Amino acid sequence: HSVIVGLYEPRTGKRLPLQDNDFLLLGAIDV
């Protein structure tokens, strides 16, 4: 599984762009 984080405008739901995506991959976990 992957854990991601990001920011968005609550009125529109539009995510803040980050480099090549609209989220940051924090890491992976193995369940």
PDB file of all heavy atoms in Angstrom:
ATOM      1  N   HIS A   1       0.854  -1.180   0.000  1.00  0.00           N
ATOM      2  CA  HIS A   1       0.000   0.000   0.000  1.00  0.00           C
ATOM      3  C   HIS A   1       0.895   1.237   0.000  1.00  0.00           C
ATOM      4  O   HIS A   1       2.023   1.188   0.463  1.00  0.00           O
ATOM      5  CB  HIS A   1      -0.901   0.019   1.233  1.00  0.00           C
ATOM      6  CG  HIS A   1      -1.946  -1.044   1.241  1.00  0.00           C
ATOM      7  ND1 HIS A   1      -1.645  -2.374   1.437  1.00  0.00           N
ATOM      8  CD2 HIS A   1      -3.279  -0.981   1.078  1.00  0.00           C
ATOM      9  CE1 HIS A   1      -2.760  -3.081   1.396  1.00  0.00           C
ATOM     10  NE2 HIS A   1      -3.770  -2.251   1.180  1.00  0.00           N
ATOM     11  N   SER A   2       0.361   2.343  -0.510  1.00  0.00           N
ATOM     12  CA  SER A   2       1.102   3.600  -0.548  1.00  0.00           C
ATOM     13  C   SER A   2       0.399   4.639   0.303  1.00  0.00           C
ATOM     14  O   SER A   2      -0.829   4.660   0.387  1.00  0.00           O
ATOM     15  CB  SER A   2       1.185   4.136  -1.980  1.00  0.00           C
ATOM     16  OG  SER A   2       1.843   3.219  -2.809  1.00  0.00           O
ATOM     17  N   VAL A   3       1.195   5.527   0.896  1.00  0.00           N
ATOM     18  CA  VAL A   3       0.656   6.650   1.665  1.00  0.00           C
ATOM     19  C   VAL A   3       1.036   7.922   0.931  1.00  0.00           C
ATOM     20  O   VAL A   3       2.222   8.155   0.655  1.00  0.00           O
ATOM     21  CB  VAL A   3       1.211   6.664   3.104  1.00  0.00           C
ATOM     22  CG1 VAL A   3       0.638   7.842   3.882  1.00  0.00           C
ATOM     23  CG2 VAL A   3       0.911   5.351   3.818  1.00  0.00           C
ATOM     24  N   ILE A   4       0.016   8.729   0.602  1.00  0.00           N
ATOM     25  CA  ILE A   4       0.258   9.982  -0.101  1.00  0.00           C
ATOM     26  C   ILE A   4      -0.342  11.151   0.686  1.00  0.00           C
ATOM     27  O   ILE A   4      -1.257  10.959   1.492  1.00  0.00           O
ATOM     28  CB  ILE A   4      -0.296   9.967  -1.544  1.00  0.00           C
ATOM     29  CG1 ILE A   4      -1.827   9.850  -1.547  1.00  0.00           C
ATOM     30  CG2 ILE A   4       0.346   8.858  -2.367  1.00  0.00           C
ATOM     31  CD1 ILE A   4      -2.454  10.087  -2.927  1.00  0.00           C
ATOM     32  N   VAL A   5       0.188  12.345   0.419  1.00  0.00           N
ATOM     33  CA  VAL A   5      -0.296  13.557   1.081  1.00  0.00           C
ATOM     34  C   VAL A   5      -0.300  14.695   0.066  1.00  0.00           C
ATOM     35  O   VAL A   5       0.472  14.679  -0.897  1.00  0.00           O
ATOM     36  CB  VAL A   5       0.587  13.912   2.302  1.00  0.00           C
ATOM     37  CG1 VAL A   5       1.994  14.293   1.878  1.00  0.00           C
ATOM     38  CG2 VAL A   5      -0.041  14.992   3.154  1.00  0.00           C
ATOM     39  N   GLY A   6      -1.181  15.652   0.299  1.00  0.00           N
ATOM     40  CA  GLY A   6      -1.225  16.815  -0.567  1.00  0.00           C
ATOM     41  C   GLY A   6      -2.140  17.877   0.017  1.00  0.00           C
ATOM     42  O   GLY A   6      -2.666  17.727   1.121  1.00  0.00           O
ATOM     43  N   LEU A   7      -2.309  18.948  -0.734  1.00  0.00           N
ATOM     44  CA  LEU A   7      -3.154  20.064  -0.323  1.00  0.00           C
ATOM     45  C   LEU A   7      -4.173  20.350  -1.416  1.00  0.00           C
ATOM     46  O   LEU A   7      -3.880  20.166  -2.601  1.00  0.00           O
ATOM     47  CB  LEU A   7      -2.300  21.316  -0.107  1.00  0.00           C
ATOM     48  CG  LEU A   7      -1.292  21.270   1.025  1.00  0.00           C
ATOM     49  CD1 LEU A   7      -0.277  22.394   0.872  1.00  0.00           C
ATOM     50  CD2 LEU A   7      -1.990  21.385   2.365  1.00  0.00           C
ATOM     51  N   TYR A   8      -5.363  20.805  -1.013  1.00  0.00           N
ATOM     52  CA  TYR A   8      -6.360  21.182  -1.997  1.00  0.00           C
ATOM     53  C   TYR A   8      -7.195  22.362  -1.519  1.00  0.00           C
ATOM     54  O   TYR A   8      -7.280  22.644  -0.331  1.00  0.00           O
ATOM     55  CB  TYR A   8      -7.261  19.997  -2.385  1.00  0.00           C
ATOM     56  CG  TYR A   8      -8.182  19.507  -1.283  1.00  0.00           C
ATOM     57  CD1 TYR A   8      -9.463  20.042  -1.121  1.00  0.00           C
ATOM     58  CD2 TYR A   8      -7.780  18.504  -0.418  1.00  0.00           C
ATOM     59  CE1 TYR A   8     -10.314  19.584  -0.124  1.00  0.00           C
ATOM     60  CE2 TYR A   8      -8.617  18.043   0.580  1.00  0.00           C
ATOM     61  CZ  TYR A   8      -9.886  18.580   0.719  1.00  0.00           C
ATOM     62  OH  TYR A   8     -10.721  18.131   1.713  1.00  0.00           O
ATOM     63  N   GLU A   9      -7.802  23.043  -2.485  1.00  0.00           N
ATOM     64  CA  GLU A   9      -8.706  24.163  -2.226  1.00  0.00           C
ATOM     65  C   GLU A   9     -10.061  23.569  -1.844  1.00  0.00           C
ATOM     66  O   GLU A   9     -10.671  22.861  -2.647  1.00  0.00           O
ATOM     67  CB  GLU A   9      -8.805  25.027  -3.478  1.00  0.00           C
ATOM     68  CG  GLU A   9      -9.952  25.991  -3.530  1.00  0.00           C
ATOM     69  CD  GLU A   9     -10.047  26.937  -2.363  1.00  0.00           C
ATOM     70  OE1 GLU A   9      -9.052  27.599  -2.033  1.00  0.00           O
ATOM     71  OE2 GLU A   9     -11.138  27.005  -1.777  1.00  0.00           O
ATOM     72  N   PRO A  10     -10.534  23.788  -0.618  1.00  0.00           N
ATOM     73  CA  PRO A  10     -11.768  23.125  -0.177  1.00  0.00           C
ATOM     74  C   PRO A  10     -13.022  23.530  -0.965  1.00  0.00           C
ATOM     75  O   PRO A  10     -13.931  22.719  -1.103  1.00  0.00           O
ATOM     76  CB  PRO A  10     -11.900  23.516   1.292  1.00  0.00           C
ATOM     77  CG  PRO A  10     -10.970  24.634   1.524  1.00  0.00           C
ATOM     78  CD  PRO A  10      -9.936  24.593   0.442  1.00  0.00           C
ATOM     79  N   ARG A  11     -13.080  24.734  -1.503  1.00  0.00           N
ATOM     80  CA  ARG A  11     -14.274  25.144  -2.258  1.00  0.00           C
ATOM     81  C   ARG A  11     -14.394  24.424  -3.588  1.00  0.00           C
ATOM     82  O   ARG A  11     -15.487  24.090  -4.020  1.00  0.00           O
ATOM     83  CB  ARG A  11     -14.265  26.655  -2.513  1.00  0.00           C
ATOM     84  CG  ARG A  11     -14.632  27.495  -1.317  1.00  0.00           C
ATOM     85  CD  ARG A  11     -14.766  28.983  -1.652  1.00  0.00           C
ATOM     86  NE  ARG A  11     -13.508  29.564  -2.139  1.00  0.00           N
ATOM     87  CZ  ARG A  11     -13.294  29.945  -3.396  1.00  0.00           C
ATOM     88  NH1 ARG A  11     -14.223  29.860  -4.300  1.00  0.00           N
ATOM     89  NH2 ARG A  11     -12.120  30.449  -3.743  1.00  0.00           N
ATOM     90  N   THR A  12     -13.259  24.159  -4.233  1.00  0.00           N
ATOM     91  CA  THR A  12     -13.277  23.572  -5.573  1.00  0.00           C
ATOM     92  C   THR A  12     -12.817  22.117  -5.602  1.00  0.00           C
ATOM     93  O   THR A  12     -13.085  21.413  -6.566  1.00  0.00           O
ATOM     94  CB  THR A  12     -12.361  24.363  -6.519  1.00  0.00           C
ATOM     95  OG1 THR A  12     -11.002  24.233  -6.062  1.00  0.00           O
ATOM     96  CG2 THR A  12     -12.756  25.827  -6.585  1.00  0.00           C
ATOM     97  N   GLY A  13     -12.076  21.684  -4.583  1.00  0.00           N
ATOM     98  CA  GLY A  13     -11.499  20.343  -4.592  1.00  0.00           C
ATOM     99  C   GLY A  13     -10.234  20.253  -5.418  1.00  0.00           C
ATOM    100  O   GLY A  13      -9.616  19.195  -5.515  1.00  0.00           O
ATOM    101  N   LYS A  14      -9.802  21.373  -6.020  1.00  0.00           N
ATOM    102  CA  LYS A  14      -8.604  21.370  -6.871  1.00  0.00           C
ATOM    103  C   LYS A  14      -7.351  21.226  -6.017  1.00  0.00           C
ATOM    104  O   LYS A  14      -7.129  21.971  -5.072  1.00  0.00           O
ATOM    105  CB  LYS A  14      -8.528  22.653  -7.695  1.00  0.00           C
ATOM    106  CG  LYS A  14      -7.345  22.660  -8.627  1.00  0.00           C
ATOM    107  CD  LYS A  14      -7.337  23.851  -9.534  1.00  0.00           C
ATOM    108  CE  LYS A  14      -6.054  23.738 -10.323  1.00  0.00           C
ATOM    109  NZ  LYS A  14      -5.971  24.481 -11.478  1.00  0.00           N
ATOM    110  N   ARG A  15      -6.537  20.240  -6.389  1.00  0.00           N
ATOM    111  CA  ARG A  15      -5.299  19.972  -5.656  1.00  0.00           C
ATOM    112  C   ARG A  15      -4.187  20.922  -6.082  1.00  0.00           C
ATOM    113  O   ARG A  15      -4.105  21.337  -7.238  1.00  0.00           O
ATOM    114  CB  ARG A  15      -4.838  18.529  -5.895  1.00  0.00           C
ATOM    115  CG  ARG A  15      -5.722  17.492  -5.263  1.00  0.00           C
ATOM    116  CD  ARG A  15      -5.139  16.119  -5.504  1.00  0.00           C
ATOM    117  NE  ARG A  15      -5.933  15.077  -4.891  1.00  0.00           N
ATOM    118  CZ  ARG A  15      -5.590  13.792  -4.894  1.00  0.00           C
ATOM    119  NH1 ARG A  15      -4.465  13.406  -5.478  1.00  0.00           N
ATOM    120  NH2 ARG A  15      -6.355  12.906  -4.313  1.00  0.00           N
ATOM    121  N   LEU A  16      -3.303  21.218  -5.136  1.00  0.00           N
ATOM    122  CA  LEU A  16      -2.132  22.037  -5.396  1.00  0.00           C
ATOM    123  C   LEU A  16      -1.124  21.204  -6.178  1.00  0.00           C
ATOM    124  O   LEU A  16      -0.807  20.083  -5.769  1.00  0.00           O
ATOM    125  CB  LEU A  16      -1.523  22.479  -4.066  1.00  0.00           C
ATOM    126  CG  LEU A  16      -0.386  23.476  -4.098  1.00  0.00           C
ATOM    127  CD1 LEU A  16      -0.912  24.843  -4.498  1.00  0.00           C
ATOM    128  CD2 LEU A  16       0.257  23.556  -2.733  1.00  0.00           C
ATOM    129  N   PRO A  17      -0.611  21.699  -7.307  1.00  0.00           N
ATOM    130  CA  PRO A  17       0.368  20.918  -8.069  1.00  0.00           C
ATOM    131  C   PRO A  17       1.714  20.839  -7.337  1.00  0.00           C
ATOM    132  O   PRO A  17       2.152  21.803  -6.722  1.00  0.00           O
ATOM    133  CB  PRO A  17       0.503  21.684  -9.382  1.00  0.00           C
ATOM    134  CG  PRO A  17       0.017  23.058  -9.096  1.00  0.00           C
ATOM    135  CD  PRO A  17      -0.933  22.971  -7.937  1.00  0.00           C
ATOM    136  N   LEU A  18       2.326  19.666  -7.420  1.00  0.00           N
ATOM    137  CA  LEU A  18       3.640  19.418  -6.817  1.00  0.00           C
ATOM    138  C   LEU A  18       4.519  18.717  -7.851  1.00  0.00           C
ATOM    139  O   LEU A  18       4.258  17.568  -8.181  1.00  0.00           O
ATOM    140  CB  LEU A  18       3.523  18.523  -5.581  1.00  0.00           C
ATOM    141  CG  LEU A  18       2.772  19.094  -4.395  1.00  0.00           C
ATOM    142  CD1 LEU A  18       2.488  18.004  -3.379  1.00  0.00           C
ATOM    143  CD2 LEU A  18       3.592  20.190  -3.754  1.00  0.00           C
ATOM    144  N   GLN A  19       5.512  19.373  -8.350  1.00  0.00           N
ATOM    145  CA  GLN A  19       6.427  18.831  -9.351  1.00  0.00           C
ATOM    146  C   GLN A  19       5.642  18.164 -10.477  1.00  0.00           C
ATOM    147  O   GLN A  19       4.966  18.835 -11.218  1.00  0.00           O
ATOM    148  CB  GLN A  19       7.438  17.889  -8.704  1.00  0.00           C
ATOM    149  CG  GLN A  19       8.357  18.600  -7.736  1.00  0.00           C
ATOM    150  CD  GLN A  19       9.331  17.676  -7.046  1.00  0.00           C
ATOM    151  OE1 GLN A  19       9.322  16.465  -7.235  1.00  0.00           O
ATOM    152  NE2 GLN A  19      10.175  18.235  -6.227  1.00  0.00           N
ATOM    153  N   ASP A  20       5.705  16.838 -10.595  1.00  0.00           N
ATOM    154  CA  ASP A  20       5.047  16.126 -11.699  1.00  0.00           C
ATOM    155  C   ASP A  20       3.681  15.573 -11.322  1.00  0.00           C
ATOM    156  O   ASP A  20       3.108  14.800 -12.079  1.00  0.00           O
ATOM    157  CB  ASP A  20       5.932  14.971 -12.177  1.00  0.00           C
ATOM    158  CG  ASP A  20       7.242  15.457 -12.770  1.00  0.00           C
ATOM    159  OD1 ASP A  20       7.272  16.606 -13.253  1.00  0.00           O
ATOM    160  OD2 ASP A  20       8.224  14.709 -12.745  1.00  0.00           O
ATOM    161  N   ASN A  21       3.158  15.917 -10.146  1.00  0.00           N
ATOM    162  CA  ASN A  21       1.912  15.329  -9.693  1.00  0.00           C
ATOM    163  C   ASN A  21       1.141  16.326  -8.839  1.00  0.00           C
ATOM    164  O   ASN A  21       1.537  17.476  -8.716  1.00  0.00           O
ATOM    165  CB  ASN A  21       2.211  14.046  -8.901  1.00  0.00           C
ATOM    166  CG  ASN A  21       1.232  12.946  -9.222  1.00  0.00           C
ATOM    167  OD1 ASN A  21       0.049  13.198  -9.390  1.00  0.00           O
ATOM    168  ND2 ASN A  21       1.719  11.729  -9.299  1.00  0.00           N
ATOM    169  N   ASP A  22       0.059  15.858  -8.216  1.00  0.00           N
ATOM    170  CA  ASP A  22      -0.704  16.712  -7.311  1.00  0.00           C
ATOM    171  C   ASP A  22      -0.742  16.120  -5.903  1.00  0.00           C
ATOM    172  O   ASP A  22      -1.646  16.372  -5.137  1.00  0.00           O
ATOM    173  CB  ASP A  22      -2.115  16.979  -7.847  1.00  0.00           C
ATOM    174  CG  ASP A  22      -2.936  15.724  -8.034  1.00  0.00           C
ATOM    175  OD1 ASP A  22      -2.453  14.617  -7.709  1.00  0.00           O
ATOM    176  OD2 ASP A  22      -4.080  15.837  -8.508  1.00  0.00           O
ATOM    177  N   PHE A  23       0.265  15.306  -5.603  1.00  0.00           N
ATOM    178  CA  PHE A  23       0.429  14.732  -4.273  1.00  0.00           C
ATOM    179  C   PHE A  23       1.893  14.368  -4.083  1.00  0.00           C
ATOM    180  O   PHE A  23       2.670  14.344  -5.040  1.00  0.00           O
ATOM    181  CB  PHE A  23      -0.446  13.479  -4.073  1.00  0.00           C
ATOM    182  CG  PHE A  23      -0.096  12.339  -5.003  1.00  0.00           C
ATOM    183  CD1 PHE A  23       0.900  11.427  -4.670  1.00  0.00           C
ATOM    184  CD2 PHE A  23      -0.750  12.190  -6.209  1.00  0.00           C
ATOM    185  CE1 PHE A  23       1.232  10.386  -5.523  1.00  0.00           C
ATOM    186  CE2 PHE A  23      -0.435  11.155  -7.068  1.00  0.00           C
ATOM    187  CZ  PHE A  23       0.558  10.255  -6.721  1.00  0.00           C
ATOM    188  N   LEU A  24       2.256  14.076  -2.838  1.00  0.00           N
ATOM    189  CA  LEU A  24       3.606  13.640  -2.503  1.00  0.00           C
ATOM    190  C   LEU A  24       3.513  12.227  -1.946  1.00  0.00           C
ATOM    191  O   LEU A  24       2.710  11.969  -1.033  1.00  0.00           O
ATOM    192  CB  LEU A  24       4.203  14.579  -1.452  1.00  0.00           C
ATOM    193  CG  LEU A  24       5.585  14.243  -0.925  1.00  0.00           C
ATOM    194  CD1 LEU A  24       6.630  14.381  -2.028  1.00  0.00           C
ATOM    195  CD2 LEU A  24       5.942  15.157   0.236  1.00  0.00           C
ATOM    196  N   LEU A  25       4.297  11.312  -2.480  1.00  0.00           N
ATOM    197  CA  LEU A  25       4.346   9.946  -1.971  1.00  0.00           C
ATOM    198  C   LEU A  25       5.186   9.941  -0.705  1.00  0.00           C
ATOM    199  O   LEU A  25       6.375  10.246  -0.742  1.00  0.00           O
ATOM    200  CB  LEU A  25       4.957   9.007  -3.011  1.00  0.00           C
ATOM    201  CG  LEU A  25       5.170   7.562  -2.574  1.00  0.00           C
ATOM    202  CD1 LEU A  25       3.842   6.877  -2.276  1.00  0.00           C
ATOM    203  CD2 LEU A  25       5.947   6.803  -3.642  1.00  0.00           C
ATOM    204  N   LEU A  26       4.553   9.639   0.433  1.00  0.00           N
ATOM    205  CA  LEU A  26       5.281   9.592   1.704  1.00  0.00           C
ATOM    206  C   LEU A  26       6.033   8.283   1.862  1.00  0.00           C
ATOM    207  O   LEU A  26       7.070   8.232   2.505  1.00  0.00           O
ATOM    208  CB  LEU A  26       4.323   9.776   2.885  1.00  0.00           C
ATOM    209  CG  LEU A  26       3.690  11.148   3.025  1.00  0.00           C
ATOM    210  CD1 LEU A  26       2.788  11.180   4.244  1.00  0.00           C
ATOM    211  CD2 LEU A  26       4.748  12.235   3.119  1.00  0.00           C
ATOM    212  N   GLY A  27       5.484   7.204   1.313  1.00  0.00           N
ATOM    213  CA  GLY A  27       6.150   5.927   1.423  1.00  0.00           C
ATOM    214  C   GLY A  27       5.205   4.780   1.167  1.00  0.00           C
ATOM    215  O   GLY A  27       4.026   4.971   0.866  1.00  0.00           O
ATOM    216  N   ALA A  28       5.746   3.594   1.294  1.00  0.00           N
ATOM    217  CA  ALA A  28       4.977   2.380   1.086  1.00  0.00           C
ATOM    218  C   ALA A  28       4.962   1.564   2.367  1.00  0.00           C
ATOM    219  O   ALA A  28       5.910   1.612   3.152  1.00  0.00           O
ATOM    220  CB  ALA A  28       5.590   1.567  -0.054  1.00  0.00           C
ATOM    221  N   ILE A  29       3.872   0.849   2.555  1.00  0.00           N
ATOM    222  CA  ILE A  29       3.790  -0.066   3.692  1.00  0.00           C
ATOM    223  C   ILE A  29       3.335  -1.409   3.175  1.00  0.00           C
ATOM    224  O   ILE A  29       2.634  -1.506   2.164  1.00  0.00           O
ATOM    225  CB  ILE A  29       2.831   0.433   4.802  1.00  0.00           C
ATOM    226  CG1 ILE A  29       1.416   0.599   4.268  1.00  0.00           C
ATOM    227  CG2 ILE A  29       3.320   1.732   5.393  1.00  0.00           C
ATOM    228  CD1 ILE A  29       0.392   0.851   5.347  1.00  0.00           C
ATOM    229  N   ASP A  30       3.755  -2.465   3.845  1.00  0.00           N
ATOM    230  CA  ASP A  30       3.351  -3.811   3.486  1.00  0.00           C
ATOM    231  C   ASP A  30       2.436  -4.340   4.574  1.00  0.00           C
ATOM    232  O   ASP A  30       2.870  -4.512   5.726  1.00  0.00           O
ATOM    233  CB  ASP A  30       4.587  -4.699   3.327  1.00  0.00           C
ATOM    234  CG  ASP A  30       4.252  -6.046   2.679  1.00  0.00           C
ATOM    235  OD1 ASP A  30       3.305  -6.088   1.893  1.00  0.00           O
ATOM    236  OD2 ASP A  30       4.938  -7.026   2.980  1.00  0.00           O
ATOM    237  N   VAL A  31       1.190  -4.562   4.238  1.00  0.00           N
ATOM    238  CA  VAL A  31       0.214  -5.071   5.195  1.00  0.00           C
ATOM    239  C   VAL A  31       0.316  -6.594   5.207  1.00  0.00           C
ATOM    240  O   VAL A  31       0.281  -7.243   4.166  1.00  0.00           O
ATOM    241  CB  VAL A  31      -1.216  -4.632   4.798  1.00  0.00           C
ATOM    242  CG1 VAL A  31      -2.243  -5.262   5.735  1.00  0.00           C
ATOM    243  CG2 VAL A  31      -1.314  -3.121   4.801  1.00  0.00           C
TER     244      VAL A  31
END
